[in-house]
Amino acid sequence: TNPNSGPYCTSKFAVRGFTLTLAQELRNTTVNVACVFPGGVKTNIVRNERFRKVSRPEMTKEDEEALFQKYIVWTSADRAARI
């Protein structure tokens, strides 16, 4: 996680917590509960100047984008919406 990413991280942990709770509540039924994490989705979050300055202030914007492209497998936002 990065500084100033509290709301983003909170929403991700909330989905996981809700899924675990729902699975426990429905464990004696025929309903199965699963939480799907799609992985990296290519959005403009890394281009956000505020995010970039906090995450790696010593890197240029271009250097950081190249690093993300090299090491992260991206799913397009359109494809993630269909999953």
Protein backbone atom coordinates (compact mmCIF):
# COMPACT_ATOMS: atom_id res chain seq x y z
CA THR A 1 0.00 0.00 0.00
CA ASN A 2 0.97 3.62 -0.39
CA PRO A 3 0.41 6.63 1.86
CA ASN A 4 -2.91 8.38 1.15
CA SER A 5 -4.47 5.22 -0.28
CA GLY A 6 -6.72 4.61 2.75
CA PRO A 7 -10.09 4.84 0.98
CA TYR A 8 -8.89 2.61 -1.87
CA CYS A 9 -7.48 -0.07 0.45
CA THR A 10 -10.47 0.14 2.78
CA SER A 11 -12.87 -0.65 -0.05
CA LYS A 12 -10.78 -3.66 -1.12
CA PHE A 13 -10.56 -5.09 2.42
CA ALA A 14 -14.28 -4.42 2.95
CA VAL A 15 -15.21 -6.60 -0.03
CA ARG A 16 -13.04 -9.43 1.28
CA GLY A 17 -14.45 -9.13 4.82
CA PHE A 18 -18.02 -9.03 3.58
CA THR A 19 -17.39 -12.11 1.43
CA LEU A 20 -15.95 -14.09 4.35
CA THR A 21 -18.83 -13.08 6.61
CA LEU A 22 -21.46 -13.93 4.01
CA ALA A 23 -19.85 -17.32 3.39
CA GLN A 24 -20.08 -18.10 7.11
CA GLU A 25 -23.68 -16.94 7.33
CA LEU A 26 -24.68 -19.12 4.37
CA ARG A 27 -22.51 -22.16 5.18
CA ASN A 28 -25.53 -24.35 6.00
CA THR A 29 -27.33 -23.53 2.76
CA THR A 30 -26.82 -24.49 -0.87
CA VAL A 31 -25.44 -21.02 -1.65
CA ASN A 32 -21.69 -20.80 -2.31
CA VAL A 33 -19.88 -17.49 -1.90
CA ALA A 34 -16.66 -16.53 -3.67
CA CYS A 35 -14.59 -13.39 -3.92
CA VAL A 36 -12.91 -12.80 -7.27
CA PHE A 37 -9.88 -10.52 -7.43
CA PRO A 38 -9.22 -9.65 -11.09
CA GLY A 39 -5.62 -8.58 -10.58
CA GLY A 40 -4.24 -5.41 -12.10
CA VAL A 41 -6.69 -3.38 -14.15
CA LYS A 42 -5.24 -0.80 -16.49
CA THR A 43 -6.64 2.53 -15.35
CA ASN A 44 -5.16 6.00 -15.04
CA ILE A 45 -4.39 5.65 -11.30
CA VAL A 46 -0.62 5.53 -11.90
CA ARG A 47 -0.85 8.70 -13.96
CA ASN A 48 -2.40 10.55 -11.03
CA GLU A 49 0.26 13.06 -9.98
CA ARG A 50 -0.68 12.88 -6.29
CA PHE A 51 -0.35 9.07 -6.28
CA ARG A 52 2.96 9.14 -8.14
CA LYS A 53 4.63 11.69 -5.86
CA VAL A 54 3.78 9.67 -2.76
CA SER A 55 4.57 6.22 -4.11
CA ARG A 56 8.00 6.93 -5.64
CA PRO A 57 8.99 10.59 -5.35
CA GLU A 58 12.51 9.93 -6.70
CA MET A 59 11.26 8.53 -10.03
CA THR A 60 10.05 10.48 -13.02
CA LYS A 61 6.53 9.89 -14.24
CA GLU A 62 7.85 8.11 -17.34
CA ASP A 63 10.18 5.86 -15.30
CA GLU A 64 7.39 4.78 -12.99
CA GLU A 65 4.98 4.04 -15.84
CA ALA A 66 7.69 1.94 -17.54
CA LEU A 67 8.25 0.02 -14.29
CA PHE A 68 4.52 -0.72 -13.97
CA GLN A 69 4.34 -1.89 -17.58
CA LYS A 70 7.34 -4.18 -17.10
CA TYR A 71 6.20 -5.98 -13.95
CA ILE A 72 2.42 -5.84 -13.81
CA VAL A 73 0.08 -7.93 -15.93
CA TRP A 74 -2.81 -5.70 -16.85
CA THR A 75 -6.43 -6.43 -17.64
CA SER A 76 -8.25 -3.75 -19.59
CA ALA A 77 -11.01 -1.90 -17.72
CA ASP A 78 -13.52 -3.11 -20.34
CA ARG A 79 -12.55 -6.75 -19.81
CA ALA A 80 -12.62 -6.40 -16.02
CA ALA A 81 -16.15 -4.98 -16.25
CA ARG A 82 -17.28 -8.13 -18.07
CA ILE A 83 -15.78 -10.53 -15.51
